[in-house]
Amino acid sequence: MSTLQPLPASFPATVAALHRVAEEIVAPARKPDNEIALIATPGGFGTPEFEHAGRRRQVRVEGAELAHDGQRTPLTTLEDARRFLGELVPGGPLSTEPLDVDPVAAARLGDWYAFGAEILAELSDATASPAWLWPEHFDLALELGDDAAGQRANYGFSPGDADHPEPYAYFGPWTAEVSGELWNAAGFRGAELRYADLLAAADPHAAALEFFRIRRDALV
């Protein structure tokens, strides 16, 4: 079971850098073209396995490194990463500005996605979509629930955004009208659970499951 630890001061800058890697390197490497959804992978995120040029491939970010085809390279610049992947990310050049990736912060991001993947797998049922990590928002999320009954919602884990300086779990109803103390989200309609609150919980795993299940049951 994944564990959560305090975040270093370098976490926001590292998330911003890895977000660029997800958008400009890892998602474009996925084949067939225009399939951009990523997944949580050990130590970070990456593509699902895919077929290209007669071989099974997978591109991953693990900590502060880019991995592909049994090889690894430190994440230095976007252009270095593009060259490492060769034919999978043609064109360029991309930015040669140094990527501000702190290995400790990158490991904490990997922990967050692993934690989220475990929670989403436990919540998943026959109505659930796959748990995708979308490069545009850098969230790991799935859709779950009966749409016709007004119970479908997004269940997700964000590493932080303009309205949230730290990671948070979120529950976003598709159509149900919600109000009251359960629905505390900032910047969207729904509910959120802050990273700090999970860290403070005696059992973060149980706290996250309770957060989602209480909101799910409130839509019934």
C-alpha atoms as a PDB file:
ATOM      1  CA  MET A   1       0.000   0.000   0.000  1.00  0.00           C
ATOM      2  CA  SER A   2       1.353   3.415  -0.971  1.00  0.00           C
ATOM      3  CA  THR A   3       2.211   5.940   1.696  1.00  0.00           C
ATOM      4  CA  LEU A   4       2.207   9.735   1.686  1.00  0.00           C
ATOM      5  CA  GLN A   5       4.997  11.904   3.053  1.00  0.00           C
ATOM      6  CA  PRO A   6       5.457  15.661   3.594  1.00  0.00           C
ATOM      7  CA  LEU A   7       6.181  17.563   0.414  1.00  0.00           C
ATOM      8  CA  PRO A   8       9.467  19.432  -0.132  1.00  0.00           C
ATOM      9  CA  ALA A   9       9.436  23.136  -1.058  1.00  0.00           C
ATOM     10  CA  SER A  10      10.524  22.110  -4.550  1.00  0.00           C
ATOM     11  CA  PHE A  11       7.298  20.197  -5.195  1.00  0.00           C
ATOM     12  CA  PRO A  12       5.368  22.873  -7.182  1.00  0.00           C
ATOM     13  CA  ALA A  13       8.300  23.587  -9.503  1.00  0.00           C
ATOM     14  CA  THR A  14       8.875  19.874 -10.057  1.00  0.00           C
ATOM     15  CA  VAL A  15       5.181  19.294 -10.817  1.00  0.00           C
ATOM     16  CA  ALA A  16       5.248  22.162 -13.336  1.00  0.00           C
ATOM     17  CA  ALA A  17       8.314  20.678 -15.053  1.00  0.00           C
ATOM     18  CA  LEU A  18       6.925  17.142 -15.160  1.00  0.00           C
ATOM     19  CA  HIS A  19       3.606  18.476 -16.425  1.00  0.00           C
ATOM     20  CA  ARG A  20       5.499  19.837 -19.441  1.00  0.00           C
ATOM     21  CA  VAL A  21       7.191  16.472 -19.896  1.00  0.00           C
ATOM     22  CA  ALA A  22       3.797  14.763 -19.853  1.00  0.00           C
ATOM     23  CA  GLU A  23       2.331  17.143 -22.433  1.00  0.00           C
ATOM     24  CA  GLU A  24       5.295  17.589 -24.758  1.00  0.00           C
ATOM     25  CA  ILE A  25       7.141  14.260 -24.501  1.00  0.00           C
ATOM     26  CA  VAL A  26       5.258  11.326 -22.976  1.00  0.00           C
ATOM     27  CA  ALA A  27       1.776  11.865 -24.450  1.00  0.00           C
ATOM     28  CA  PRO A  28       3.129  12.569 -27.975  1.00  0.00           C
ATOM     29  CA  ALA A  29       5.197   9.371 -27.785  1.00  0.00           C
ATOM     30  CA  ARG A  30       2.078   7.226 -27.412  1.00  0.00           C
ATOM     31  CA  LYS A  31       1.005   5.505 -30.598  1.00  0.00           C
ATOM     32  CA  PRO A  32      -1.335   5.511 -32.443  1.00  0.00           C
ATOM     33  CA  ASP A  33      -1.153   9.272 -32.786  1.00  0.00           C
ATOM     34  CA  ASN A  34      -3.812  11.345 -30.986  1.00  0.00           C
ATOM     35  CA  GLU A  35      -4.107   8.781 -28.188  1.00  0.00           C
ATOM     36  CA  ILE A  36      -2.834  10.952 -25.355  1.00  0.00           C
ATOM     37  CA  ALA A  37      -4.226   9.432 -22.145  1.00  0.00           C
ATOM     38  CA  LEU A  38      -1.534   8.286 -19.714  1.00  0.00           C
ATOM     39  CA  ILE A  39      -1.576   6.055 -16.647  1.00  0.00           C
ATOM     40  CA  ALA A  40       0.050   5.894 -13.233  1.00  0.00           C
ATOM     41  CA  THR A  41       3.184   3.740 -13.481  1.00  0.00           C
ATOM     42  CA  PRO A  42       5.757   2.697 -10.836  1.00  0.00           C
ATOM     43  CA  GLY A  43       7.431   5.821  -9.494  1.00  0.00           C
ATOM     44  CA  GLY A  44       5.462   8.239 -11.655  1.00  0.00           C
ATOM     45  CA  PHE A  45       3.458   8.115 -14.881  1.00  0.00           C
ATOM     46  CA  GLY A  46       3.687   6.936 -18.458  1.00  0.00           C
ATOM     47  CA  THR A  47       1.954   5.543 -21.492  1.00  0.00           C
ATOM     48  CA  PRO A  48       0.070   2.276 -21.522  1.00  0.00           C
ATOM     49  CA  GLU A  49       1.941  -0.357 -23.504  1.00  0.00           C
ATOM     50  CA  PHE A  50       1.476   0.141 -27.233  1.00  0.00           C
ATOM     51  CA  GLU A  51       2.578  -1.471 -30.485  1.00  0.00           C
ATOM     52  CA  HIS A  52       4.987   0.440 -32.726  1.00  0.00           C
ATOM     53  CA  ALA A  53       7.350  -0.734 -35.472  1.00  0.00           C
ATOM     54  CA  GLY A  54       6.671  -4.364 -34.637  1.00  0.00           C
ATOM     55  CA  ARG A  55       7.455  -4.104 -30.918  1.00  0.00           C
ATOM     56  CA  ARG A  56       5.631  -3.471 -27.676  1.00  0.00           C
ATOM     57  CA  ARG A  57       6.648  -0.109 -26.222  1.00  0.00           C
ATOM     58  CA  GLN A  58       6.097   1.925 -23.093  1.00  0.00           C
ATOM     59  CA  VAL A  59       7.442   5.365 -22.201  1.00  0.00           C
ATOM     60  CA  ARG A  60       7.597   6.195 -18.489  1.00  0.00           C
ATOM     61  CA  VAL A  61       8.739   8.902 -16.120  1.00  0.00           C
ATOM     62  CA  GLU A  62      10.081   7.313 -12.967  1.00  0.00           C
ATOM     63  CA  GLY A  63      11.223   9.871 -10.448  1.00  0.00           C
ATOM     64  CA  ALA A  64      13.513  12.303 -12.280  1.00  0.00           C
ATOM     65  CA  GLU A  65      14.274   9.912 -15.152  1.00  0.00           C
ATOM     66  CA  LEU A  66      12.715   9.056 -18.499  1.00  0.00           C
ATOM     67  CA  ALA A  67      12.578   5.323 -19.290  1.00  0.00           C
ATOM     68  CA  HIS A  68      12.006   3.508 -22.583  1.00  0.00           C
ATOM     69  CA  ASP A  69      13.044   0.229 -24.155  1.00  0.00           C
ATOM     70  CA  GLY A  70      15.147  -0.859 -21.184  1.00  0.00           C
ATOM     71  CA  GLN A  71      17.101   2.396 -21.036  1.00  0.00           C
ATOM     72  CA  ARG A  72      16.915   5.468 -18.805  1.00  0.00           C
ATOM     73  CA  THR A  73      18.070   9.059 -18.979  1.00  0.00           C
ATOM     74  CA  PRO A  74      17.898  11.959 -16.505  1.00  0.00           C
ATOM     75  CA  LEU A  75      15.280  14.581 -17.307  1.00  0.00           C
ATOM     76  CA  THR A  76      17.509  17.522 -18.214  1.00  0.00           C
ATOM     77  CA  THR A  77      15.674  19.392 -21.013  1.00  0.00           C
ATOM     78  CA  LEU A  78      12.661  18.704 -23.207  1.00  0.00           C
ATOM     79  CA  GLU A  79      14.884  18.525 -26.285  1.00  0.00           C
ATOM     80  CA  ASP A  80      17.197  15.978 -24.626  1.00  0.00           C
ATOM     81  CA  ALA A  81      14.137  13.898 -23.747  1.00  0.00           C
ATOM     82  CA  ARG A  82      12.823  14.128 -27.321  1.00  0.00           C
ATOM     83  CA  ARG A  83      16.142  12.980 -28.739  1.00  0.00           C
ATOM     84  CA  PHE A  84      16.255  10.066 -26.295  1.00  0.00           C
ATOM     85  CA  LEU A  85      12.918   8.794 -27.637  1.00  0.00           C
ATOM     86  CA  GLY A  86      13.959   9.265 -31.259  1.00  0.00           C
ATOM     87  CA  GLU A  87      11.289   8.270 -33.770  1.00  0.00           C
ATOM     88  CA  LEU A  88       8.538   8.233 -31.130  1.00  0.00           C
ATOM     89  CA  VAL A  89       8.636  12.060 -30.865  1.00  0.00           C
ATOM     90  CA  PRO A  90       9.713  13.372 -34.272  1.00  0.00           C
ATOM     91  CA  GLY A  91      10.221  17.022 -35.143  1.00  0.00           C
ATOM     92  CA  GLY A  92      11.621  19.564 -32.781  1.00  0.00           C
ATOM     93  CA  PRO A  93      13.696  21.066 -31.529  1.00  0.00           C
ATOM     94  CA  LEU A  94      11.923  21.560 -28.225  1.00  0.00           C
ATOM     95  CA  SER A  95      13.031  23.777 -25.356  1.00  0.00           C
ATOM     96  CA  THR A  96      16.616  23.484 -24.170  1.00  0.00           C
ATOM     97  CA  GLU A  97      15.824  25.306 -20.928  1.00  0.00           C
ATOM     98  CA  PRO A  98      16.832  23.141 -17.945  1.00  0.00           C
ATOM     99  CA  LEU A  99      13.953  21.242 -16.372  1.00  0.00           C
ATOM    100  CA  ASP A 100      13.631  21.979 -12.673  1.00  0.00           C
ATOM    101  CA  VAL A 101      13.027  18.403 -11.500  1.00  0.00           C
ATOM    102  CA  ASP A 102      14.002  17.578  -7.931  1.00  0.00           C
ATOM    103  CA  PRO A 103      14.286  13.785  -7.452  1.00  0.00           C
ATOM    104  CA  VAL A 104      12.741  13.914  -3.975  1.00  0.00           C
ATOM    105  CA  ALA A 105       9.774  15.965  -5.174  1.00  0.00           C
ATOM    106  CA  ALA A 106       9.391  13.720  -8.217  1.00  0.00           C
ATOM    107  CA  ALA A 107       9.256  10.694  -5.927  1.00  0.00           C
ATOM    108  CA  ARG A 108       6.508  12.339  -3.860  1.00  0.00           C
ATOM    109  CA  LEU A 109       4.522  12.933  -7.064  1.00  0.00           C
ATOM    110  CA  GLY A 110       4.933   9.260  -7.943  1.00  0.00           C
ATOM    111  CA  ASP A 111       3.693   8.341  -4.461  1.00  0.00           C
ATOM    112  CA  TRP A 112       0.626  10.552  -4.970  1.00  0.00           C
ATOM    113  CA  TYR A 113      -0.316   8.934  -8.259  1.00  0.00           C
ATOM    114  CA  ALA A 114       0.252   5.453  -6.808  1.00  0.00           C
ATOM    115  CA  PHE A 115      -1.930   6.319  -3.827  1.00  0.00           C
ATOM    116  CA  GLY A 116      -4.638   7.640  -6.132  1.00  0.00           C
ATOM    117  CA  ALA A 117      -4.482   4.584  -8.385  1.00  0.00           C
ATOM    118  CA  GLU A 118      -4.989   2.295  -5.393  1.00  0.00           C
ATOM    119  CA  ILE A 119      -8.007   4.254  -4.167  1.00  0.00           C
ATOM    120  CA  LEU A 120      -9.608   4.454  -7.614  1.00  0.00           C
ATOM    121  CA  ALA A 121      -9.093   0.720  -8.169  1.00  0.00           C
ATOM    122  CA  GLU A 122     -10.875  -0.010  -4.899  1.00  0.00           C
ATOM    123  CA  LEU A 123     -13.803   2.266  -5.811  1.00  0.00           C
ATOM    124  CA  SER A 124     -14.129   1.027  -9.391  1.00  0.00           C
ATOM    125  CA  ASP A 125     -17.169  -0.993 -10.451  1.00  0.00           C
ATOM    126  CA  ALA A 126     -18.934  -2.028 -13.661  1.00  0.00           C
ATOM    127  CA  THR A 127     -19.902   1.601 -14.398  1.00  0.00           C
ATOM    128  CA  ALA A 128     -16.356   2.933 -14.139  1.00  0.00           C
ATOM    129  CA  SER A 129     -14.177   4.243 -16.919  1.00  0.00           C
ATOM    130  CA  PRO A 130     -10.440   3.448 -16.871  1.00  0.00           C
ATOM    131  CA  ALA A 131      -8.346   5.562 -14.504  1.00  0.00           C
ATOM    132  CA  TRP A 132      -6.537   7.871 -16.905  1.00  0.00           C
ATOM    133  CA  LEU A 133      -3.875  10.456 -16.196  1.00  0.00           C
ATOM    134  CA  TRP A 134      -4.766  13.300 -18.544  1.00  0.00           C
ATOM    135  CA  PRO A 135      -1.701  15.315 -19.616  1.00  0.00           C
ATOM    136  CA  GLU A 136      -3.619  18.588 -20.033  1.00  0.00           C
ATOM    137  CA  HIS A 137      -4.592  18.800 -16.358  1.00  0.00           C
ATOM    138  CA  PHE A 138      -2.088  16.257 -14.982  1.00  0.00           C
ATOM    139  CA  ASP A 139      -4.861  14.664 -12.903  1.00  0.00           C
ATOM    140  CA  LEU A 140      -5.436  10.950 -12.373  1.00  0.00           C
ATOM    141  CA  ALA A 141      -9.184  10.339 -12.562  1.00  0.00           C
ATOM    142  CA  LEU A 142     -12.036   8.066 -13.548  1.00  0.00           C
ATOM    143  CA  GLU A 143     -15.784   8.443 -14.085  1.00  0.00           C
ATOM    144  CA  LEU A 144     -18.115   6.343 -11.991  1.00  0.00           C
ATOM    145  CA  GLY A 145     -21.836   5.937 -11.312  1.00  0.00           C
ATOM    146  CA  ASP A 146     -25.223   5.755 -13.027  1.00  0.00           C
ATOM    147  CA  ASP A 147     -25.638   8.795 -15.275  1.00  0.00           C
ATOM    148  CA  ALA A 148     -29.388   8.334 -15.726  1.00  0.00           C
ATOM    149  CA  ALA A 149     -29.872   8.381 -11.948  1.00  0.00           C
ATOM    150  CA  GLY A 150     -27.756  11.524 -11.550  1.00  0.00           C
ATOM    151  CA  GLN A 151     -25.050   9.601  -9.715  1.00  0.00           C
ATOM    152  CA  ARG A 152     -22.187   9.799 -12.216  1.00  0.00           C
ATOM    153  CA  ALA A 153     -19.179  11.803 -11.055  1.00  0.00           C
ATOM    154  CA  ASN A 154     -15.489  12.361 -11.590  1.00  0.00           C
ATOM    155  CA  TYR A 155     -13.258  10.835  -8.908  1.00  0.00           C
ATOM    156  CA  GLY A 156      -9.762  12.217  -9.116  1.00  0.00           C
ATOM    157  CA  PHE A 157      -6.361  13.090  -7.701  1.00  0.00           C
ATOM    158  CA  SER A 158      -4.727  16.364  -8.712  1.00  0.00           C
ATOM    159  CA  PRO A 159      -1.110  17.310  -7.948  1.00  0.00           C
ATOM    160  CA  GLY A 160      -2.246  20.926  -7.487  1.00  0.00           C
ATOM    161  CA  ASP A 161      -3.352  23.762  -9.743  1.00  0.00           C
ATOM    162  CA  ALA A 162      -3.927  27.529  -9.824  1.00  0.00           C
ATOM    163  CA  ASP A 163      -6.565  27.272  -7.071  1.00  0.00           C
ATOM    164  CA  HIS A 164      -4.708  24.673  -4.988  1.00  0.00           C
ATOM    165  CA  PRO A 165      -1.038  25.013  -3.964  1.00  0.00           C
ATOM    166  CA  GLU A 166      -0.876  21.366  -2.866  1.00  0.00           C
ATOM    167  CA  PRO A 167      -2.300  18.071  -4.136  1.00  0.00           C
ATOM    168  CA  TYR A 168      -5.912  17.196  -3.435  1.00  0.00           C
ATOM    169  CA  ALA A 169      -8.475  14.487  -4.075  1.00  0.00           C
ATOM    170  CA  TYR A 170     -11.729  15.623  -5.675  1.00  0.00           C
ATOM    171  CA  PHE A 171     -15.265  14.498  -6.380  1.00  0.00           C
ATOM    172  CA  GLY A 172     -17.129  16.291  -9.176  1.00  0.00           C
ATOM    173  CA  PRO A 173     -20.786  15.364  -9.844  1.00  0.00           C
ATOM    174  CA  TRP A 174     -21.755  15.455 -13.519  1.00  0.00           C
ATOM    175  CA  THR A 175     -25.349  16.679 -13.226  1.00  0.00           C
ATOM    176  CA  ALA A 176     -26.533  16.375  -9.610  1.00  0.00           C
ATOM    177  CA  GLU A 177     -27.249  19.650  -7.842  1.00  0.00           C
ATOM    178  CA  VAL A 178     -25.230  19.767  -4.624  1.00  0.00           C
ATOM    179  CA  SER A 179     -24.989  22.196  -1.731  1.00  0.00           C
ATOM    180  CA  GLY A 180     -24.034  22.212   1.926  1.00  0.00           C
ATOM    181  CA  GLU A 181     -20.945  21.443   3.972  1.00  0.00           C
ATOM    182  CA  LEU A 182     -20.014  18.298   2.061  1.00  0.00           C
ATOM    183  CA  TRP A 183     -19.378  20.367  -1.069  1.00  0.00           C
ATOM    184  CA  ASN A 184     -16.317  22.473  -0.253  1.00  0.00           C
ATOM    185  CA  ALA A 185     -14.475  22.633  -3.576  1.00  0.00           C
ATOM    186  CA  ALA A 186     -12.586  25.747  -4.653  1.00  0.00           C
ATOM    187  CA  GLY A 187     -12.776  26.558  -8.359  1.00  0.00           C
ATOM    188  CA  PHE A 188     -15.238  23.816  -9.350  1.00  0.00           C
ATOM    189  CA  ARG A 189     -18.589  22.326  -8.307  1.00  0.00           C
ATOM    190  CA  GLY A 190     -18.006  19.431  -5.973  1.00  0.00           C
ATOM    191  CA  ALA A 191     -15.813  18.460  -3.041  1.00  0.00           C
ATOM    192  CA  GLU A 192     -12.113  18.274  -2.290  1.00  0.00           C
ATOM    193  CA  LEU A 193      -9.826  16.662   0.273  1.00  0.00           C
ATOM    194  CA  ARG A 194      -6.475  18.368   0.815  1.00  0.00           C
ATOM    195  CA  TYR A 195      -3.135  16.588   0.934  1.00  0.00           C
ATOM    196  CA  ALA A 196      -2.483  18.104   4.379  1.00  0.00           C
ATOM    197  CA  ASP A 197      -5.696  16.563   5.696  1.00  0.00           C
ATOM    198  CA  LEU A 198      -4.727  13.158   4.318  1.00  0.00           C
ATOM    199  CA  LEU A 199      -1.282  13.440   5.929  1.00  0.00           C
ATOM    200  CA  ALA A 200      -2.912  14.278   9.251  1.00  0.00           C
ATOM    201  CA  ALA A 201      -5.275  11.302   9.100  1.00  0.00           C
ATOM    202  CA  ALA A 202      -4.477   8.213  11.157  1.00  0.00           C
ATOM    203  CA  ASP A 203      -5.150   6.126   8.030  1.00  0.00           C
ATOM    204  CA  PRO A 204      -4.905   8.206   4.813  1.00  0.00           C
ATOM    205  CA  HIS A 205      -6.130   5.292   2.691  1.00  0.00           C
ATOM    206  CA  ALA A 206      -9.294   4.905   4.773  1.00  0.00           C
ATOM    207  CA  ALA A 207      -9.783   8.689   4.884  1.00  0.00           C
ATOM    208  CA  ALA A 208      -9.682   8.950   1.097  1.00  0.00           C
ATOM    209  CA  LEU A 209     -12.140   6.079   0.644  1.00  0.00           C
ATOM    210  CA  GLU A 210     -14.482   7.628   3.204  1.00  0.00           C
ATOM    211  CA  PHE A 211     -14.296  11.004   1.451  1.00  0.00           C
ATOM    212  CA  PHE A 212     -15.386   9.526  -1.862  1.00  0.00           C
ATOM    213  CA  ARG A 213     -17.999   7.136  -0.491  1.00  0.00           C
ATOM    214  CA  ILE A 214     -19.746   9.782   1.583  1.00  0.00           C
ATOM    215  CA  ARG A 215     -20.075  12.062  -1.464  1.00  0.00           C
ATOM    216  CA  ARG A 216     -21.118   9.158  -3.689  1.00  0.00           C
ATOM    217  CA  ASP A 217     -23.825   8.136  -1.237  1.00  0.00           C
ATOM    218  CA  ALA A 218     -25.032  11.743  -0.952  1.00  0.00           C
ATOM    219  CA  LEU A 219     -26.034  11.614  -4.648  1.00  0.00           C
ATOM    220  CA  VAL A 220     -28.373   8.630  -4.138  1.00  0.00           C
END
